Amino acid sequence: MDRLNAMRVFTRIVESGGFAKAADSLQMPRASVTILIKQLEAHLGVQLLQRTTRHISLTLDGAAYYPRCVRLLADLEETEAVFSAARHNPKGLLRVDMPAGIGRLIVIPALPQFTARYPLIELEIGLNDRTVDLIREGVDCVLRGGSPMDDSLVARPLVMLDQVTCASPEYLQRHGTPQCLADLPGHQMVEYFSASTGTRFGLEFVVEGQVQQLNLPKQVSVNSADGYMAACEAGYGLVQAPYYHVARQLQEGRLCEVLSDRPPPAMPLTALYPPHRQLSRRVRVFVDWLVELCGQPGQHFYRSESGR
């Protein structure tokens, strides 16, 4: 038995949540995955995984063994990279996840820069507005807007995203254009709610350095950023969004900014990855590239580029 290969298979089963998914991602026959795990358990003399027809879970021994495997494999990868061409030209599969808007509008259009620099890295990109479980879903790195909530992950700040409040011209014709916060009674908003937690978000404004939250009546609530903007363009009320997400609509007149002197608070954009991924050369070069990308001009991160 190749114990290192068995460890790789074991960690991939844990991260992907199943034997079949692990076999597919490793491009191995499913029977080989099953045999390797049986051999590994026999070698250790313990059961690592509790298996049913629908669910895979770690036993107590498996839960203790998993982080040790992860550390050992990460150390091995880094050690080999130091003494191989991979140090300068990393290769292999990198799984990343990010909000659909930032992926569609910012990252993917610039991605040829990254793949030209690192042609041996294969990217698997998930575009989601939901919160991804990196360990369970086998994701190496995620981009998230808002303050990081998981202290178990390594956080690399990328950029502070300016946000704007806007509405469609048709909505403003019907309801009037608010000139100050006191004008907002009688207006309505499109409500955004999290697909993962169900948390609902109202409007936020910075007043004398303090964030003031405001909920308005709503007729439509959505759980995706693209749907949120589509409802705004359809005339269902005020929304708040990162400037990059609405820059084109504002330029084309499909949306109008309002209350520019009372902006929403800036939103941090952060790259997050599990601590055991910090030694991965693939993750490191991708996050470094994201930092570089976010520092480039012309990305529409800021409502006004002057003074930036």
C-alpha atoms as a PDB file:
ATOM      1  CA  MET A   1       0.000   0.000   0.000  1.00  0.00           C
ATOM      2  CA  ASP A   2       1.186   3.495  -0.873  1.00  0.00           C
ATOM      3  CA  ARG A   3       0.478   5.206   2.437  1.00  0.00           C
ATOM      4  CA  LEU A   4       0.886   8.749   1.112  1.00  0.00           C
ATOM      5  CA  ASN A   5      -1.541   8.053  -1.695  1.00  0.00           C
ATOM      6  CA  ALA A   6      -3.928   6.489   0.803  1.00  0.00           C
ATOM      7  CA  MET A   7      -3.709   9.626   2.937  1.00  0.00           C
ATOM      8  CA  ARG A   8      -4.465  11.796  -0.092  1.00  0.00           C
ATOM      9  CA  VAL A   9      -7.491   9.651  -0.868  1.00  0.00           C
ATOM     10  CA  PHE A  10      -8.661   9.782   2.752  1.00  0.00           C
ATOM     11  CA  THR A  11      -8.405  13.586   2.976  1.00  0.00           C
ATOM     12  CA  ARG A  12     -10.164  14.012  -0.358  1.00  0.00           C
ATOM     13  CA  ILE A  13     -13.046  11.780   0.818  1.00  0.00           C
ATOM     14  CA  VAL A  14     -13.414  13.923   3.935  1.00  0.00           C
ATOM     15  CA  GLU A  15     -13.281  17.186   1.966  1.00  0.00           C
ATOM     16  CA  SER A  16     -15.602  16.097  -0.839  1.00  0.00           C
ATOM     17  CA  GLY A  17     -18.025  14.161   1.372  1.00  0.00           C
ATOM     18  CA  GLY A  18     -17.997  10.866  -0.459  1.00  0.00           C
ATOM     19  CA  PHE A  19     -16.024   8.050  -2.077  1.00  0.00           C
ATOM     20  CA  ALA A  20     -17.440   8.687  -5.551  1.00  0.00           C
ATOM     21  CA  LYS A  21     -16.692  12.425  -5.515  1.00  0.00           C
ATOM     22  CA  ALA A  22     -13.171  11.768  -4.247  1.00  0.00           C
ATOM     23  CA  ALA A  23     -12.556   9.183  -6.965  1.00  0.00           C
ATOM     24  CA  ASP A  24     -13.814  11.553  -9.659  1.00  0.00           C
ATOM     25  CA  SER A  25     -11.714  14.487  -8.454  1.00  0.00           C
ATOM     26  CA  LEU A  26      -8.598  12.302  -8.207  1.00  0.00           C
ATOM     27  CA  GLN A  27      -9.386  10.604 -11.529  1.00  0.00           C
ATOM     28  CA  MET A  28      -9.173   7.166  -9.924  1.00  0.00           C
ATOM     29  CA  PRO A  29     -11.439   4.137 -10.232  1.00  0.00           C
ATOM     30  CA  ARG A  30     -13.963   4.124  -7.388  1.00  0.00           C
ATOM     31  CA  ALA A  31     -13.028   0.562  -6.499  1.00  0.00           C
ATOM     32  CA  SER A  32      -9.387   1.651  -6.016  1.00  0.00           C
ATOM     33  CA  VAL A  33     -10.474   4.369  -3.587  1.00  0.00           C
ATOM     34  CA  THR A  34     -12.452   1.859  -1.535  1.00  0.00           C
ATOM     35  CA  ILE A  35      -9.566  -0.629  -1.482  1.00  0.00           C
ATOM     36  CA  LEU A  36      -7.043   2.027  -0.399  1.00  0.00           C
ATOM     37  CA  ILE A  37      -9.210   3.124   2.526  1.00  0.00           C
ATOM     38  CA  LYS A  38      -9.725  -0.468   3.646  1.00  0.00           C
ATOM     39  CA  GLN A  39      -5.978  -1.071   3.482  1.00  0.00           C
ATOM     40  CA  LEU A  40      -5.266   2.144   5.384  1.00  0.00           C
ATOM     41  CA  GLU A  41      -7.747   1.251   8.125  1.00  0.00           C
ATOM     42  CA  ALA A  42      -6.277  -2.254   8.354  1.00  0.00           C
ATOM     43  CA  HIS A  43      -2.756  -0.833   8.574  1.00  0.00           C
ATOM     44  CA  LEU A  44      -3.752   1.559  11.373  1.00  0.00           C
ATOM     45  CA  GLY A  45      -5.991  -0.932  13.113  1.00  0.00           C
ATOM     46  CA  VAL A  46      -8.841   1.568  13.451  1.00  0.00           C
ATOM     47  CA  GLN A  47     -11.957   2.595  11.539  1.00  0.00           C
ATOM     48  CA  LEU A  48     -11.558   6.075  10.064  1.00  0.00           C
ATOM     49  CA  LEU A  49     -14.888   6.552   8.318  1.00  0.00           C
ATOM     50  CA  GLN A  50     -18.445   5.681   9.267  1.00  0.00           C
ATOM     51  CA  ARG A  51     -20.202   4.707   6.045  1.00  0.00           C
ATOM     52  CA  THR A  52     -23.881   4.424   5.219  1.00  0.00           C
ATOM     53  CA  THR A  53     -25.612   4.315   1.860  1.00  0.00           C
ATOM     54  CA  ARG A  54     -26.153   8.089   1.958  1.00  0.00           C
ATOM     55  CA  HIS A  55     -23.624   9.600   4.310  1.00  0.00           C
ATOM     56  CA  ILE A  56     -19.918   9.540   5.177  1.00  0.00           C
ATOM     57  CA  SER A  57     -18.731  10.776   8.558  1.00  0.00           C
ATOM     58  CA  LEU A  58     -15.498  10.666  10.515  1.00  0.00           C
ATOM     59  CA  THR A  59     -15.114   8.387  13.482  1.00  0.00           C
ATOM     60  CA  LEU A  60     -13.302   9.764  16.529  1.00  0.00           C
ATOM     61  CA  ASP A  61     -10.090   8.156  15.270  1.00  0.00           C
ATOM     62  CA  GLY A  62     -10.717   9.555  11.791  1.00  0.00           C
ATOM     63  CA  ALA A  63     -11.275  13.061  13.185  1.00  0.00           C
ATOM     64  CA  ALA A  64      -7.925  12.853  14.994  1.00  0.00           C
ATOM     65  CA  TYR A  65      -6.124  11.396  11.959  1.00  0.00           C
ATOM     66  CA  TYR A  66      -7.432  13.860   9.370  1.00  0.00           C
ATOM     67  CA  PRO A  67      -5.627  17.079  10.473  1.00  0.00           C
ATOM     68  CA  ARG A  68      -2.380  15.134  10.855  1.00  0.00           C
ATOM     69  CA  CYS A  69      -2.694  13.874   7.291  1.00  0.00           C
ATOM     70  CA  VAL A  70      -3.422  17.372   6.025  1.00  0.00           C
ATOM     71  CA  ARG A  71      -0.347  18.823   7.724  1.00  0.00           C
ATOM     72  CA  LEU A  72       1.885  15.996   6.542  1.00  0.00           C
ATOM     73  CA  LEU A  73       0.717  16.268   2.924  1.00  0.00           C
ATOM     74  CA  ALA A  74       1.070  20.067   2.934  1.00  0.00           C
ATOM     75  CA  ASP A  75       4.597  19.793   4.337  1.00  0.00           C
ATOM     76  CA  LEU A  76       5.469  17.214   1.699  1.00  0.00           C
ATOM     77  CA  GLU A  77       4.129  19.390  -1.127  1.00  0.00           C
ATOM     78  CA  GLU A  78       6.056  22.409   0.100  1.00  0.00           C
ATOM     79  CA  THR A  79       9.258  20.397   0.573  1.00  0.00           C
ATOM     80  CA  GLU A  80       9.048  18.978  -2.923  1.00  0.00           C
ATOM     81  CA  ALA A  81       8.317  22.429  -4.342  1.00  0.00           C
ATOM     82  CA  VAL A  82      11.494  23.822  -2.809  1.00  0.00           C
ATOM     83  CA  PHE A  83      13.593  21.292  -4.710  1.00  0.00           C
ATOM     84  CA  SER A  84      11.662  21.134  -7.961  1.00  0.00           C
ATOM     85  CA  ALA A  85      10.503  23.263 -10.857  1.00  0.00           C
ATOM     86  CA  ALA A  86       7.105  23.535  -9.134  1.00  0.00           C
ATOM     87  CA  ARG A  87       8.638  26.193  -6.911  1.00  0.00           C
ATOM     88  CA  HIS A  88       8.726  28.500  -9.911  1.00  0.00           C
ATOM     89  CA  ASN A  89       5.996  26.924 -12.028  1.00  0.00           C
ATOM     90  CA  PRO A  90       3.346  25.401  -9.708  1.00  0.00           C
ATOM     91  CA  LYS A  91       0.960  22.904 -11.212  1.00  0.00           C
ATOM     92  CA  GLY A  92      -2.170  20.980 -10.360  1.00  0.00           C
ATOM     93  CA  LEU A  93      -5.835  21.599  -9.678  1.00  0.00           C
ATOM     94  CA  LEU A  94      -6.885  24.695  -7.720  1.00  0.00           C
ATOM     95  CA  ARG A  95     -10.498  24.926  -6.552  1.00  0.00           C
ATOM     96  CA  VAL A  96     -11.715  28.468  -5.841  1.00  0.00           C
ATOM     97  CA  ASP A  97     -15.126  29.949  -5.121  1.00  0.00           C
ATOM     98  CA  MET A  98     -16.327  33.537  -5.292  1.00  0.00           C
ATOM     99  CA  PRO A  99     -19.467  35.676  -5.603  1.00  0.00           C
ATOM    100  CA  ALA A 100     -20.917  35.457  -9.098  1.00  0.00           C
ATOM    101  CA  GLY A 101     -20.608  39.208  -9.720  1.00  0.00           C
ATOM    102  CA  ILE A 102     -16.938  39.544  -8.764  1.00  0.00           C
ATOM    103  CA  GLY A 103     -16.132  36.446 -10.798  1.00  0.00           C
ATOM    104  CA  ARG A 104     -18.072  37.491 -13.875  1.00  0.00           C
ATOM    105  CA  LEU A 105     -17.103  41.163 -13.879  1.00  0.00           C
ATOM    106  CA  ILE A 106     -13.616  41.284 -12.359  1.00  0.00           C
ATOM    107  CA  VAL A 107     -11.752  37.990 -11.937  1.00  0.00           C
ATOM    108  CA  ILE A 108     -12.612  35.940 -15.029  1.00  0.00           C
ATOM    109  CA  PRO A 109     -12.043  38.792 -17.547  1.00  0.00           C
ATOM    110  CA  ALA A 110      -8.535  39.212 -16.070  1.00  0.00           C
ATOM    111  CA  LEU A 111      -7.866  35.484 -15.664  1.00  0.00           C
ATOM    112  CA  PRO A 112      -5.746  35.151 -18.844  1.00  0.00           C
ATOM    113  CA  GLN A 113      -3.079  37.147 -16.994  1.00  0.00           C
ATOM    114  CA  PHE A 114      -2.925  34.440 -14.335  1.00  0.00           C
ATOM    115  CA  THR A 115      -3.101  31.405 -16.607  1.00  0.00           C
ATOM    116  CA  ALA A 116      -0.397  32.847 -18.890  1.00  0.00           C
ATOM    117  CA  ARG A 117       1.853  33.256 -15.861  1.00  0.00           C
ATOM    118  CA  TYR A 118       1.018  29.813 -14.411  1.00  0.00           C
ATOM    119  CA  PRO A 119       0.036  27.604 -17.342  1.00  0.00           C
ATOM    120  CA  LEU A 120       0.269  24.346 -15.376  1.00  0.00           C
ATOM    121  CA  ILE A 121      -2.409  25.328 -12.841  1.00  0.00           C
ATOM    122  CA  GLU A 122      -5.883  24.047 -13.648  1.00  0.00           C
ATOM    123  CA  LEU A 123      -8.659  26.195 -12.184  1.00  0.00           C
ATOM    124  CA  GLU A 124     -12.068  25.007 -11.036  1.00  0.00           C
ATOM    125  CA  ILE A 125     -14.122  28.123 -10.275  1.00  0.00           C
ATOM    126  CA  GLY A 126     -17.425  28.116  -8.448  1.00  0.00           C
ATOM    127  CA  LEU A 127     -19.607  31.226  -8.721  1.00  0.00           C
ATOM    128  CA  ASN A 128     -21.939  31.358  -5.734  1.00  0.00           C
ATOM    129  CA  ASP A 129     -23.682  33.855  -3.507  1.00  0.00           C
ATOM    130  CA  ARG A 130     -23.974  31.214  -0.784  1.00  0.00           C
ATOM    131  CA  THR A 131     -21.322  30.566   1.870  1.00  0.00           C
ATOM    132  CA  VAL A 132     -19.147  27.611   0.885  1.00  0.00           C
ATOM    133  CA  ASP A 133     -17.823  25.110   3.437  1.00  0.00           C
ATOM    134  CA  LEU A 134     -14.205  24.895   2.295  1.00  0.00           C
ATOM    135  CA  ILE A 135     -13.312  21.694   4.144  1.00  0.00           C
ATOM    136  CA  ARG A 136     -16.459  19.720   3.377  1.00  0.00           C
ATOM    137  CA  GLU A 137     -16.582  20.818  -0.262  1.00  0.00           C
ATOM    138  CA  GLY A 138     -12.859  20.503  -0.943  1.00  0.00           C
ATOM    139  CA  VAL A 139     -12.380  24.169  -1.923  1.00  0.00           C
ATOM    140  CA  ASP A 140      -8.881  25.628  -1.642  1.00  0.00           C
ATOM    141  CA  CYS A 141      -9.714  29.347  -1.538  1.00  0.00           C
ATOM    142  CA  VAL A 142     -12.787  31.598  -1.496  1.00  0.00           C
ATOM    143  CA  LEU A 143     -13.445  35.285  -2.062  1.00  0.00           C
ATOM    144  CA  ARG A 144     -16.039  36.824   0.243  1.00  0.00           C
ATOM    145  CA  GLY A 145     -17.524  40.256   0.613  1.00  0.00           C
ATOM    146  CA  GLY A 146     -18.160  41.587   4.103  1.00  0.00           C
ATOM    147  CA  SER A 147     -16.311  41.038   7.348  1.00  0.00           C
ATOM    148  CA  PRO A 148     -14.885  37.497   7.656  1.00  0.00           C
ATOM    149  CA  MET A 149     -16.924  35.528  10.182  1.00  0.00           C
ATOM    150  CA  ASP A 150     -14.882  32.308  10.399  1.00  0.00           C
ATOM    151  CA  ASP A 151     -11.833  32.648  12.632  1.00  0.00           C
ATOM    152  CA  SER A 152     -10.649  29.172  11.628  1.00  0.00           C
ATOM    153  CA  LEU A 153      -9.706  30.450   8.157  1.00  0.00           C
ATOM    154  CA  VAL A 154      -6.690  32.494   7.085  1.00  0.00           C
ATOM    155  CA  ALA A 155      -7.912  35.888   5.798  1.00  0.00           C
ATOM    156  CA  ARG A 156      -6.026  37.971   3.218  1.00  0.00           C
ATOM    157  CA  PRO A 157      -7.596  41.437   2.687  1.00  0.00           C
ATOM    158  CA  LEU A 158      -7.854  42.377  -0.989  1.00  0.00           C
ATOM    159  CA  VAL A 159      -9.696  45.698  -1.315  1.00  0.00           C
ATOM    160  CA  MET A 160     -12.371  47.874   0.275  1.00  0.00           C
ATOM    161  CA  LEU A 161     -15.302  48.078  -2.126  1.00  0.00           C
ATOM    162  CA  ASP A 162     -17.181  51.363  -2.385  1.00  0.00           C
ATOM    163  CA  GLN A 163     -20.949  50.849  -2.328  1.00  0.00           C
ATOM    164  CA  VAL A 164     -23.694  53.006  -3.775  1.00  0.00           C
ATOM    165  CA  THR A 165     -27.433  53.406  -3.308  1.00  0.00           C
ATOM    166  CA  CYS A 166     -29.402  53.350  -6.540  1.00  0.00           C
ATOM    167  CA  ALA A 167     -32.785  52.874  -8.167  1.00  0.00           C
ATOM    168  CA  SER A 168     -34.206  52.708 -11.661  1.00  0.00           C
ATOM    169  CA  PRO A 169     -35.290  55.888 -13.477  1.00  0.00           C
ATOM    170  CA  GLU A 170     -38.860  54.523 -13.655  1.00  0.00           C
ATOM    171  CA  TYR A 171     -38.967  53.976  -9.898  1.00  0.00           C
ATOM    172  CA  LEU A 172     -37.719  57.523  -9.247  1.00  0.00           C
ATOM    173  CA  GLN A 173     -40.313  58.961 -11.619  1.00  0.00           C
ATOM    174  CA  ARG A 174     -43.052  57.274  -9.588  1.00  0.00           C
ATOM    175  CA  HIS A 175     -41.715  57.901  -6.087  1.00  0.00           C
ATOM    176  CA  GLY A 176     -39.462  60.923  -6.465  1.00  0.00           C
ATOM    177  CA  THR A 177     -35.705  61.177  -5.900  1.00  0.00           C
ATOM    178  CA  PRO A 178     -34.749  61.279  -2.196  1.00  0.00           C
ATOM    179  CA  GLN A 179     -32.433  64.161  -1.365  1.00  0.00           C
ATOM    180  CA  CYS A 180     -31.770  63.181   2.248  1.00  0.00           C
ATOM    181  CA  LEU A 181     -32.526  60.324   4.636  1.00  0.00           C
ATOM    182  CA  ALA A 182     -35.619  62.165   5.881  1.00  0.00           C
ATOM    183  CA  ASP A 183     -37.109  61.701   2.392  1.00  0.00           C
ATOM    184  CA  LEU A 184     -37.008  57.893   2.581  1.00  0.00           C
ATOM    185  CA  PRO A 185     -40.362  57.289   4.321  1.00  0.00           C
ATOM    186  CA  GLY A 186     -42.741  56.443   1.514  1.00  0.00           C
ATOM    187  CA  HIS A 187     -40.009  54.747  -0.504  1.00  0.00           C
ATOM    188  CA  GLN A 188     -39.448  50.998  -0.764  1.00  0.00           C
ATOM    189  CA  MET A 189     -36.418  48.765  -1.156  1.00  0.00           C
ATOM    190  CA  VAL A 190     -35.508  45.452  -2.718  1.00  0.00           C
ATOM    191  CA  GLU A 191     -34.560  43.144   0.151  1.00  0.00           C
ATOM    192  CA  TYR A 192     -31.559  40.826  -0.065  1.00  0.00           C
ATOM    193  CA  PHE A 193     -31.481  37.677   2.069  1.00  0.00           C
ATOM    194  CA  SER A 194     -28.709  35.119   2.458  1.00  0.00           C
ATOM    195  CA  ALA A 195     -29.279  31.809   0.695  1.00  0.00           C
ATOM    196  CA  SER A 196     -27.167  30.093   3.376  1.00  0.00           C
ATOM    197  CA  THR A 197     -28.374  31.631   6.641  1.00  0.00           C
ATOM    198  CA  GLY A 198     -31.621  33.371   5.729  1.00  0.00           C
ATOM    199  CA  THR A 199     -30.288  36.627   7.211  1.00  0.00           C
ATOM    200  CA  ARG A 200     -32.086  39.636   5.732  1.00  0.00           C
ATOM    201  CA  PHE A 201     -30.356  42.891   4.934  1.00  0.00           C
ATOM    202  CA  GLY A 202     -31.806  46.394   4.903  1.00  0.00           C
ATOM    203  CA  LEU A 203     -30.101  49.623   3.878  1.00  0.00           C
ATOM    204  CA  GLU A 204     -27.085  51.130   5.642  1.00  0.00           C
ATOM    205  CA  PHE A 205     -25.812  54.707   5.557  1.00  0.00           C
ATOM    206  CA  VAL A 206     -22.770  56.389   7.094  1.00  0.00           C
ATOM    207  CA  VAL A 207     -23.902  59.390   9.123  1.00  0.00           C
ATOM    208  CA  GLU A 208     -21.225  61.393  10.982  1.00  0.00           C
ATOM    209  CA  GLY A 209     -18.930  58.394  10.953  1.00  0.00           C
ATOM    210  CA  GLN A 210     -21.557  55.988  12.295  1.00  0.00           C
ATOM    211  CA  VAL A 211     -23.420  53.298  10.385  1.00  0.00           C
ATOM    212  CA  GLN A 212     -27.174  53.825  10.468  1.00  0.00           C
ATOM    213  CA  GLN A 213     -29.406  50.913   9.475  1.00  0.00           C
ATOM    214  CA  LEU A 214     -32.759  51.455   7.835  1.00  0.00           C
ATOM    215  CA  ASN A 215     -35.462  49.046   6.726  1.00  0.00           C
ATOM    216  CA  LEU A 216     -38.040  50.161   4.196  1.00  0.00           C
ATOM    217  CA  PRO A 217     -41.173  48.377   2.987  1.00  0.00           C
ATOM    218  CA  LYS A 218     -40.483  45.849   0.259  1.00  0.00           C
ATOM    219  CA  GLN A 219     -42.471  43.986  -2.338  1.00  0.00           C
ATOM    220  CA  VAL A 220     -39.663  41.716  -3.591  1.00  0.00           C
ATOM    221  CA  SER A 221     -36.910  39.848  -1.728  1.00  0.00           C
ATOM    222  CA  VAL A 222     -34.155  37.898  -3.482  1.00  0.00           C
ATOM    223  CA  ASN A 223     -31.184  35.733  -2.472  1.00  0.00           C
ATOM    224  CA  SER A 224     -28.771  36.377  -5.352  1.00  0.00           C
ATOM    225  CA  ALA A 225     -26.817  39.484  -6.272  1.00  0.00           C
ATOM    226  CA  ASP A 226     -27.824  39.331  -9.926  1.00  0.00           C
ATOM    227  CA  GLY A 227     -31.487  38.904  -8.974  1.00  0.00           C
ATOM    228  CA  TYR A 228     -31.178  41.796  -6.542  1.00  0.00           C
ATOM    229  CA  MET A 229     -29.986  44.099  -9.322  1.00  0.00           C
ATOM    230  CA  ALA A 230     -32.561  42.786 -11.794  1.00  0.00           C
ATOM    231  CA  ALA A 231     -35.347  43.600  -9.327  1.00  0.00           C
ATOM    232  CA  CYS A 232     -33.939  47.099  -8.942  1.00  0.00           C
ATOM    233  CA  GLU A 233     -33.838  47.644 -12.704  1.00  0.00           C
ATOM    234  CA  ALA A 234     -37.427  46.386 -12.865  1.00  0.00           C
ATOM    235  CA  GLY A 235     -38.468  49.262 -10.589  1.00  0.00           C
ATOM    236  CA  TYR A 236     -39.053  47.501  -7.250  1.00  0.00           C
ATOM    237  CA  GLY A 237     -37.125  49.967  -5.133  1.00  0.00           C
ATOM    238  CA  LEU A 238     -33.791  51.116  -3.735  1.00  0.00           C
ATOM    239  CA  VAL A 239     -30.780  48.830  -3.491  1.00  0.00           C
ATOM    240  CA  GLN A 240     -27.231  49.099  -2.239  1.00  0.00           C
ATOM    241  CA  ALA A 241     -24.432  47.312  -4.079  1.00  0.00           C
ATOM    242  CA  PRO A 242     -20.677  47.466  -4.669  1.00  0.00           C
ATOM    243  CA  TYR A 243     -19.895  50.062  -7.306  1.00  0.00           C
ATOM    244  CA  TYR A 244     -18.261  47.524  -9.643  1.00  0.00           C
ATOM    245  CA  HIS A 245     -21.565  45.659  -9.836  1.00  0.00           C
ATOM    246  CA  VAL A 246     -23.539  48.683 -11.026  1.00  0.00           C
ATOM    247  CA  ALA A 247     -20.941  50.806 -12.827  1.00  0.00           C
ATOM    248  CA  ARG A 248     -22.159  49.858 -16.298  1.00  0.00           C
ATOM    249  CA  GLN A 249     -25.849  50.306 -15.429  1.00  0.00           C
ATOM    250  CA  LEU A 250     -25.087  53.753 -14.012  1.00  0.00           C
ATOM    251  CA  GLN A 251     -23.073  54.747 -17.073  1.00  0.00           C
ATOM    252  CA  GLU A 252     -25.836  53.545 -19.405  1.00  0.00           C
ATOM    253  CA  GLY A 253     -28.605  55.256 -17.431  1.00  0.00           C
ATOM    254  CA  ARG A 254     -30.377  52.024 -16.502  1.00  0.00           C
ATOM    255  CA  LEU A 255     -29.838  52.918 -12.847  1.00  0.00           C
ATOM    256  CA  CYS A 256     -29.414  56.231 -11.029  1.00  0.00           C
ATOM    257  CA  GLU A 257     -27.352  56.829  -7.904  1.00  0.00           C
ATOM    258  CA  VAL A 258     -29.171  58.554  -5.039  1.00  0.00           C
ATOM    259  CA  LEU A 259     -28.057  59.944  -1.675  1.00  0.00           C
ATOM    260  CA  SER A 260     -24.419  60.106  -2.784  1.00  0.00           C
ATOM    261  CA  ASP A 261     -23.606  62.312   0.226  1.00  0.00           C
ATOM    262  CA  ARG A 262     -24.801  59.523   2.557  1.00  0.00           C
ATOM    263  CA  PRO A 263     -22.931  56.511   1.161  1.00  0.00           C
ATOM    264  CA  PRO A 264     -23.243  52.970   2.471  1.00  0.00           C
ATOM    265  CA  PRO A 265     -20.174  51.703   4.374  1.00  0.00           C
ATOM    266  CA  ALA A 266     -17.410  50.247   2.215  1.00  0.00           C
ATOM    267  CA  MET A 267     -17.417  46.451   1.980  1.00  0.00           C
ATOM    268  CA  PRO A 268     -14.173  44.503   2.529  1.00  0.00           C
ATOM    269  CA  LEU A 269     -13.320  41.867  -0.072  1.00  0.00           C
ATOM    270  CA  THR A 270     -11.204  39.093   1.405  1.00  0.00           C
ATOM    271  CA  ALA A 271      -9.529  35.909   0.219  1.00  0.00           C
ATOM    272  CA  LEU A 272      -9.917  33.076   2.720  1.00  0.00           C
ATOM    273  CA  TYR A 273      -8.372  29.634   2.867  1.00  0.00           C
ATOM    274  CA  PRO A 274      -7.916  26.904   5.493  1.00  0.00           C
ATOM    275  CA  PRO A 275      -4.695  27.121   7.546  1.00  0.00           C
ATOM    276  CA  HIS A 276      -3.364  23.892   6.057  1.00  0.00           C
ATOM    277  CA  ARG A 277      -3.567  25.462   2.574  1.00  0.00           C
ATOM    278  CA  GLN A 278      -1.152  28.244   3.481  1.00  0.00           C
ATOM    279  CA  LEU A 279       1.811  26.142   2.340  1.00  0.00           C
ATOM    280  CA  SER A 280       0.221  25.358  -1.016  1.00  0.00           C
ATOM    281  CA  ARG A 281       2.149  27.113  -3.759  1.00  0.00           C
ATOM    282  CA  ARG A 282      -0.961  27.122  -5.963  1.00  0.00           C
ATOM    283  CA  VAL A 283      -3.031  28.944  -3.350  1.00  0.00           C
ATOM    284  CA  ARG A 284      -0.224  31.335  -2.573  1.00  0.00           C
ATOM    285  CA  VAL A 285       0.361  32.478  -6.150  1.00  0.00           C
ATOM    286  CA  PHE A 286      -3.379  32.792  -6.828  1.00  0.00           C
ATOM    287  CA  VAL A 287      -3.986  34.977  -3.770  1.00  0.00           C
ATOM    288  CA  ASP A 288      -0.899  37.065  -4.585  1.00  0.00           C
ATOM    289  CA  TRP A 289      -2.311  37.567  -8.079  1.00  0.00           C
ATOM    290  CA  LEU A 290      -5.673  38.630  -6.641  1.00  0.00           C
ATOM    291  CA  VAL A 291      -3.929  41.248  -4.498  1.00  0.00           C
ATOM    292  CA  GLU A 292      -2.142  42.478  -7.624  1.00  0.00           C
ATOM    293  CA  LEU A 293      -5.390  42.493  -9.623  1.00  0.00           C
ATOM    294  CA  CYS A 294      -7.263  44.472  -6.986  1.00  0.00           C
ATOM    295  CA  GLY A 295      -4.500  47.060  -7.006  1.00  0.00           C
ATOM    296  CA  GLN A 296      -4.790  47.677 -10.737  1.00  0.00           C
ATOM    297  CA  PRO A 297      -6.610  50.848 -11.882  1.00  0.00           C
ATOM    298  CA  GLY A 298      -9.820  50.685 -13.866  1.00  0.00           C
ATOM    299  CA  GLN A 299     -11.531  47.906 -11.893  1.00  0.00           C
ATOM    300  CA  HIS A 300     -14.501  50.088 -10.831  1.00  0.00           C
ATOM    301  CA  PHE A 301     -13.951  49.320  -7.153  1.00  0.00           C
ATOM    302  CA  TYR A 302     -14.379  52.990  -6.260  1.00  0.00           C
ATOM    303  CA  ARG A 303     -17.264  55.339  -7.017  1.00  0.00           C
ATOM    304  CA  SER A 304     -14.711  58.072  -7.761  1.00  0.00           C
ATOM    305  CA  GLU A 305     -11.148  57.259  -8.795  1.00  0.00           C
ATOM    306  CA  SER A 306      -9.920  60.712  -7.772  1.00  0.00           C
ATOM    307  CA  GLY A 307      -7.631  60.679  -4.778  1.00  0.00           C
ATOM    308  CA  ARG A 308      -7.294  56.893  -4.798  1.00  0.00           C
END
